[in-house]
C-alpha atoms as a PDB file:
ATOM      1  CA  MET A   1       8.682 -19.448  -0.981  1.00  0.00           C
ATOM      2  CA  ARG A   2       6.963 -23.019  -0.595  1.00  0.00           C
ATOM      3  CA  GLN A   3       6.701 -21.304   3.075  1.00  0.00           C
ATOM      4  CA  TRP A   4       5.345 -18.373   1.773  1.00  0.00           C
ATOM      5  CA  ARG A   5       2.601 -20.645  -0.156  1.00  0.00           C
ATOM      6  CA  GLY A   6       1.323 -22.374   3.122  1.00  0.00           C
ATOM      7  CA  LEU A   7       1.098 -19.635   4.946  1.00  0.00           C
ATOM      8  CA  LEU A   8      -1.309 -17.761   2.433  1.00  0.00           C
ATOM      9  CA  GLY A   9      -3.562 -20.428   2.274  1.00  0.00           C
ATOM     10  CA  PHE A  10      -3.057 -21.160   5.964  1.00  0.00           C
ATOM     11  CA  GLY A  11      -4.423 -17.271   6.068  1.00  0.00           C
ATOM     12  CA  ALA A  12      -7.181 -17.429   3.523  1.00  0.00           C
ATOM     13  CA  LEU A  13      -8.751 -20.326   4.598  1.00  0.00           C
ATOM     14  CA  LEU A  14      -8.467 -19.077   8.715  1.00  0.00           C
ATOM     15  CA  LEU A  15     -10.354 -15.844   6.562  1.00  0.00           C
ATOM     16  CA  VAL A  16     -13.225 -17.551   5.291  1.00  0.00           C
ATOM     17  CA  LEU A  17     -13.743 -19.452   8.206  1.00  0.00           C
ATOM     18  CA  LEU A  18     -14.068 -16.184  10.524  1.00  0.00           C
ATOM     19  CA  GLU A  19     -16.388 -15.031   7.501  1.00  0.00           C
ATOM     20  CA  ILE A  20     -18.889 -17.577   7.667  1.00  0.00           C
ATOM     21  CA  VAL A  21     -18.492 -16.997  11.465  1.00  0.00           C
ATOM     22  CA  THR A  22     -19.267 -13.326  11.216  1.00  0.00           C
ATOM     23  CA  PHE A  23     -21.964 -13.901   8.921  1.00  0.00           C
ATOM     24  CA  VAL A  24     -23.814 -16.432  11.438  1.00  0.00           C
ATOM     25  CA  LEU A  25     -23.205 -14.112  14.216  1.00  0.00           C
ATOM     26  CA  VAL A  26     -25.333 -10.821  12.054  1.00  0.00           C
ATOM     27  CA  ALA A  27     -27.598 -13.439  10.509  1.00  0.00           C
ATOM     28  CA  TYR A  28     -28.298 -14.281  13.558  1.00  0.00           C
ATOM     29  CA  ALA A  29     -28.542 -10.547  15.326  1.00  0.00           C
ATOM     30  CA  ILE A  30     -30.628  -8.669  12.265  1.00  0.00           C
ATOM     31  CA  GLY A  31     -31.947 -12.277  10.348  1.00  0.00           C
ATOM     32  CA  VAL A  32     -30.449 -13.973   7.332  1.00  0.00           C
ATOM     33  CA  PHE A  33     -32.439 -12.014   4.962  1.00  0.00           C
ATOM     34  CA  TRP A  34     -30.572  -8.416   6.325  1.00  0.00           C
ATOM     35  CA  ALA A  35     -27.536 -10.418   6.393  1.00  0.00           C
ATOM     36  CA  VAL A  36     -27.515 -11.454   3.052  1.00  0.00           C
ATOM     37  CA  VAL A  37     -29.482  -7.566   1.656  1.00  0.00           C
ATOM     38  CA  LEU A  38     -25.806  -5.971   3.463  1.00  0.00           C
ATOM     39  CA  VAL A  39     -23.472  -8.529   1.750  1.00  0.00           C
ATOM     40  CA  ILE A  40     -25.354  -7.757  -1.854  1.00  0.00           C
ATOM     41  CA  ALA A  41     -25.163  -4.216  -1.229  1.00  0.00           C
ATOM     42  CA  THR A  42     -21.539  -4.094  -0.071  1.00  0.00           C
ATOM     43  CA  GLY A  43     -20.410  -6.217  -2.577  1.00  0.00           C
ATOM     44  CA  VAL A  44     -22.528  -3.352  -5.410  1.00  0.00           C
ATOM     45  CA  LEU A  45     -21.150  -0.307  -3.110  1.00  0.00           C
ATOM     46  CA  GLY A  46     -17.693  -2.477  -3.937  1.00  0.00           C
ATOM     47  CA  GLY A  47     -17.588  -3.084  -8.009  1.00  0.00           C
ATOM     48  CA  TRP A  48     -19.610   0.989  -8.597  1.00  0.00           C
ATOM     49  CA  LEU A  49     -16.152   1.832  -6.077  1.00  0.00           C
ATOM     50  CA  LEU A  50     -13.873  -0.118  -8.298  1.00  0.00           C
ATOM     51  CA  ARG A  51     -15.144   1.406 -11.269  1.00  0.00           C
ATOM     52  CA  ARG A  52     -14.602   5.035  -9.402  1.00  0.00           C
ATOM     53  CA  GLU A  53     -11.170   4.900  -7.596  1.00  0.00           C
ATOM     54  CA  GLY A  54      -9.745   2.706 -10.893  1.00  0.00           C
ATOM     55  CA  VAL A  55     -10.931   5.709 -13.074  1.00  0.00           C
ATOM     56  CA  ARG A  56      -9.310   8.046 -10.626  1.00  0.00           C
ATOM     57  CA  ALA A  57      -6.193   6.711 -10.059  1.00  0.00           C
ATOM     58  CA  TRP A  58      -5.482   6.033 -13.816  1.00  0.00           C
ATOM     59  CA  ARG A  59      -6.347   9.741 -14.433  1.00  0.00           C
ATOM     60  CA  ALA A  60      -4.207  10.878 -11.511  1.00  0.00           C
ATOM     61  CA  LEU A  61      -1.525   8.356 -13.820  1.00  0.00           C
ATOM     62  CA  ARG A  62      -1.802   9.690 -16.800  1.00  0.00           C
ATOM     63  CA  ALA A  63      -1.518  13.288 -15.365  1.00  0.00           C
ATOM     64  CA  THR A  64       1.663  12.847 -13.519  1.00  0.00           C
ATOM     65  CA  ALA A  65       3.749  10.865 -16.226  1.00  0.00           C
ATOM     66  CA  GLY A  66       3.081  13.355 -18.749  1.00  0.00           C
ATOM     67  CA  SER A  67       4.259  16.110 -16.422  1.00  0.00           C
ATOM     68  CA  GLY A  68       7.520  14.177 -16.456  1.00  0.00           C
ATOM     69  CA  ALA A  69       7.154  13.277 -12.271  1.00  0.00           C
ATOM     70  CA  PRO A  70       7.537  10.629 -10.726  1.00  0.00           C
ATOM     71  CA  VAL A  71       4.278   8.650 -10.156  1.00  0.00           C
ATOM     72  CA  GLY A  72       4.437   6.598  -7.036  1.00  0.00           C
ATOM     73  CA  PRO A  73       3.430   9.384  -4.968  1.00  0.00           C
ATOM     74  CA  ASP A  74      -0.238   9.809  -6.956  1.00  0.00           C
ATOM     75  CA  ALA A  75      -0.353   5.760  -7.636  1.00  0.00           C
ATOM     76  CA  VAL A  76       0.061   4.345  -3.971  1.00  0.00           C
ATOM     77  CA  PRO A  77      -3.374   5.511  -2.927  1.00  0.00           C
ATOM     78  CA  GLY A  78      -4.773   4.833  -5.951  1.00  0.00           C
ATOM     79  CA  VAL A  79      -3.975   1.306  -5.462  1.00  0.00           C
ATOM     80  CA  VAL A  80      -4.538   1.589  -1.285  1.00  0.00           C
ATOM     81  CA  GLY A  81      -7.939   2.797  -2.968  1.00  0.00           C
ATOM     82  CA  LEU A  82      -8.047  -0.061  -5.543  1.00  0.00           C
ATOM     83  CA  ALA A  83      -7.429  -2.456  -2.494  1.00  0.00           C
ATOM     84  CA  GLY A  84     -10.461  -1.155  -0.305  1.00  0.00           C
ATOM     85  CA  ALA A  85     -12.563  -1.642  -2.811  1.00  0.00           C
ATOM     86  CA  LEU A  86     -11.427  -4.971  -4.454  1.00  0.00           C
ATOM     87  CA  LEU A  87     -12.551  -5.756  -0.694  1.00  0.00           C
ATOM     88  CA  LEU A  88     -15.857  -4.389  -0.178  1.00  0.00           C
ATOM     89  CA  LEU A  89     -16.720  -6.399  -3.572  1.00  0.00           C
ATOM     90  CA  VAL A  90     -15.346 -10.046  -1.748  1.00  0.00           C
ATOM     91  CA  PRO A  91     -18.274 -11.651   0.306  1.00  0.00           C
ATOM     92  CA  GLY A  92     -17.567 -11.079   4.144  1.00  0.00           C
ATOM     93  CA  PHE A  93     -18.051  -8.850   6.590  1.00  0.00           C
ATOM     94  CA  LEU A  94     -14.169  -8.531   7.783  1.00  0.00           C
ATOM     95  CA  THR A  95     -13.259  -7.664   4.401  1.00  0.00           C
ATOM     96  CA  ASP A  96     -15.713  -5.334   4.118  1.00  0.00           C
ATOM     97  CA  LEU A  97     -14.616  -3.368   7.038  1.00  0.00           C
ATOM     98  CA  VAL A  98     -10.998  -3.115   6.268  1.00  0.00           C
ATOM     99  CA  GLY A  99     -12.087  -2.342   3.131  1.00  0.00           C
ATOM    100  CA  LEU A 100     -14.190   0.813   4.032  1.00  0.00           C
ATOM    101  CA  ALA A 101     -11.416   1.872   6.561  1.00  0.00           C
ATOM    102  CA  LEU A 102      -8.916   2.087   3.662  1.00  0.00           C
ATOM    103  CA  LEU A 103     -11.524   4.152   1.954  1.00  0.00           C
ATOM    104  CA  VAL A 104     -11.218   6.412   4.683  1.00  0.00           C
ATOM    105  CA  PRO A 105      -8.448   9.125   4.623  1.00  0.00           C
ATOM    106  CA  PRO A 106      -6.502   9.508   7.574  1.00  0.00           C
ATOM    107  CA  VAL A 107      -6.554   5.460   7.460  1.00  0.00           C
ATOM    108  CA  ARG A 108      -5.724   5.393   3.673  1.00  0.00           C
ATOM    109  CA  ARG A 109      -2.678   7.945   4.005  1.00  0.00           C
ATOM    110  CA  LEU A 110      -1.679   5.805   6.591  1.00  0.00           C
ATOM    111  CA  ALA A 111      -1.549   2.836   4.507  1.00  0.00           C
ATOM    112  CA  SER A 112      -0.363   4.823   1.660  1.00  0.00           C
ATOM    113  CA  LEU A 113       2.433   5.364   3.501  1.00  0.00           C
ATOM    114  CA  GLY A 114       3.295   1.620   4.427  1.00  0.00           C
ATOM    115  CA  VAL A 115       3.048   0.310   1.060  1.00  0.00           C
ATOM    116  CA  ARG A 116       5.169   2.683  -0.391  1.00  0.00           C
ATOM    117  CA  ARG A 117       7.521   1.665   2.420  1.00  0.00           C
ATOM    118  CA  PHE A 118       7.136  -1.777   1.461  1.00  0.00           C
ATOM    119  CA  ALA A 119       7.574  -1.037  -2.109  1.00  0.00           C
ATOM    120  CA  GLU A 120      10.907   0.842  -0.727  1.00  0.00           C
ATOM    121  CA  ARG A 121      12.053  -1.985   0.667  1.00  0.00           C
ATOM    122  CA  ARG A 122      11.338  -4.463  -1.876  1.00  0.00           C
ATOM    123  CA  LEU A 123      12.184  -2.813  -5.009  1.00  0.00           C
ATOM    124  CA  PRO A 124      16.111  -1.957  -6.356  1.00  0.00           C
ATOM    125  CA  SER A 125      16.510   1.644  -5.089  1.00  0.00           C
ATOM    126  CA  SER A 126      17.462   2.787  -8.351  1.00  0.00           C
ATOM    127  CA  THR A 127      13.109   1.760  -9.262  1.00  0.00           C
ATOM    128  CA  ALA A 128      12.411   3.535  -6.077  1.00  0.00           C
ATOM    129  CA  GLY A 129      14.019   6.503  -7.222  1.00  0.00           C
ATOM    130  CA  ASP A 130      11.974   6.193 -10.646  1.00  0.00           C
ATOM    131  CA  LEU A 131       8.670   5.590  -8.682  1.00  0.00           C
ATOM    132  CA  PHE A 132       9.186   8.049  -5.964  1.00  0.00           C
ATOM    133  CA  GLY A 133      11.726  10.362  -7.214  1.00  0.00           C
ATOM    134  CA  PRO A 134      14.794  11.581  -5.080  1.00  0.00           C
ATOM    135  CA  ARG A 135      14.661  10.187  -1.336  1.00  0.00           C
ATOM    136  CA  ARG A 136      15.623  12.142   1.555  1.00  0.00           C
ATOM    137  CA  VAL A 137      17.901   9.853   4.260  1.00  0.00           C
ATOM    138  CA  ARG A 138      19.550  10.816   7.041  1.00  0.00           C
ATOM    139  CA  VAL A 139      23.501  11.025   7.623  1.00  0.00           C
ATOM    140  CA  ARG A 140      24.947  10.875  10.856  1.00  0.00           C
ATOM    141  CA  PRO A 141      28.282  12.737  12.107  1.00  0.00           C
ATOM    142  CA  GLY A 142      30.604   9.870  13.186  1.00  0.00           C
ATOM    143  CA  THR A 143      34.383   8.305  12.110  1.00  0.00           C
ATOM    144  CA  PRO A 144      34.294   7.708   8.527  1.00  0.00           C
ATOM    145  CA  SER A 145      35.162   4.223   7.240  1.00  0.00           C
ATOM    146  CA  ALA A 146      36.827   5.182   3.722  1.00  0.00           C
ATOM    147  CA  PRO A 147      37.813   9.098   4.451  1.00  0.00           C
ATOM    148  CA  SER A 148      37.120  10.707   0.700  1.00  0.00           C
ATOM    149  CA  THR A 149      39.760  13.456   1.140  1.00  0.00           C
ATOM    150  CA  PRO A 150      43.437  13.741   1.539  1.00  0.00           C
ATOM    151  CA  GLY A 151      44.653  12.862   4.874  1.00  0.00           C
ATOM    152  CA  GLY A 152      42.311  11.427   5.926  1.00  0.00           C
ATOM    153  CA  GLN A 153      39.957  14.609   6.572  1.00  0.00           C
ATOM    154  CA  PRO A 154      36.004  13.748   6.686  1.00  0.00           C
ATOM    155  CA  PRO A 155      34.717  16.311   4.183  1.00  0.00           C
ATOM    156  CA  ALA A 156      33.772  19.498   5.644  1.00  0.00           C
ATOM    157  CA  GLY A 157      29.845  20.865   5.636  1.00  0.00           C
ATOM    158  CA  ASP A 158      26.312  19.018   6.980  1.00  0.00           C
ATOM    159  CA  VAL A 159      24.958  18.183   4.022  1.00  0.00           C
ATOM    160  CA  LEU A 160      26.091  15.529   1.650  1.00  0.00           C
ATOM    161  CA  GLU A 161      24.583  16.277  -1.964  1.00  0.00           C
ATOM    162  CA  GLY A 162      24.144  12.795  -3.882  1.00  0.00           C
ATOM    163  CA  GLU A 163      22.621   9.707  -4.980  1.00  0.00           C
ATOM    164  CA  ILE A 164      22.339   6.357  -3.639  1.00  0.00           C
ATOM    165  CA  ILE A 165      23.318   3.755  -6.352  1.00  0.00           C
ATOM    166  CA  ASP A 166      22.741  -0.062  -4.906  1.00  0.00           C
ATOM    167  CA  PRO A 167      25.467  -1.981  -5.706  1.00  0.00           C
ATOM    168  CA  ARG A 168      23.690  -5.211  -7.151  1.00  0.00           C
END
């Protein structure tokens, strides 16, 4: 855990230094006044989008939870949209570029898929199932390690139905 904190601190310091260098380069290219106006404008845009994305995500989450369906598929795009708005709110051009990219629909879908996969790997199987619903798994034919039928024969058929249970 300490190693992650150190890497996180180093990454934050590196980001700040890159943001300063980028600001200086942009200010040199378009002028200090316009660079400051651009940073303020993207901050205001980020605040407005944060409110809009937050309300949109909250409504989708409430509607999905009210219907009894898993909330994960609707929550993840909302989280990605909120992250994009937060990155726009942070002063700096690099974070603004990443924030704007997260608001573009194809990038947002790709980032949502990555967040979902990350959450499914990090959460226990039962929690991931509650959030995202039943998962599809691929079963490859092979030699079973423990036969489940009398006489050592593998079960018949190509499709296995059941739950993935985390033994922890």
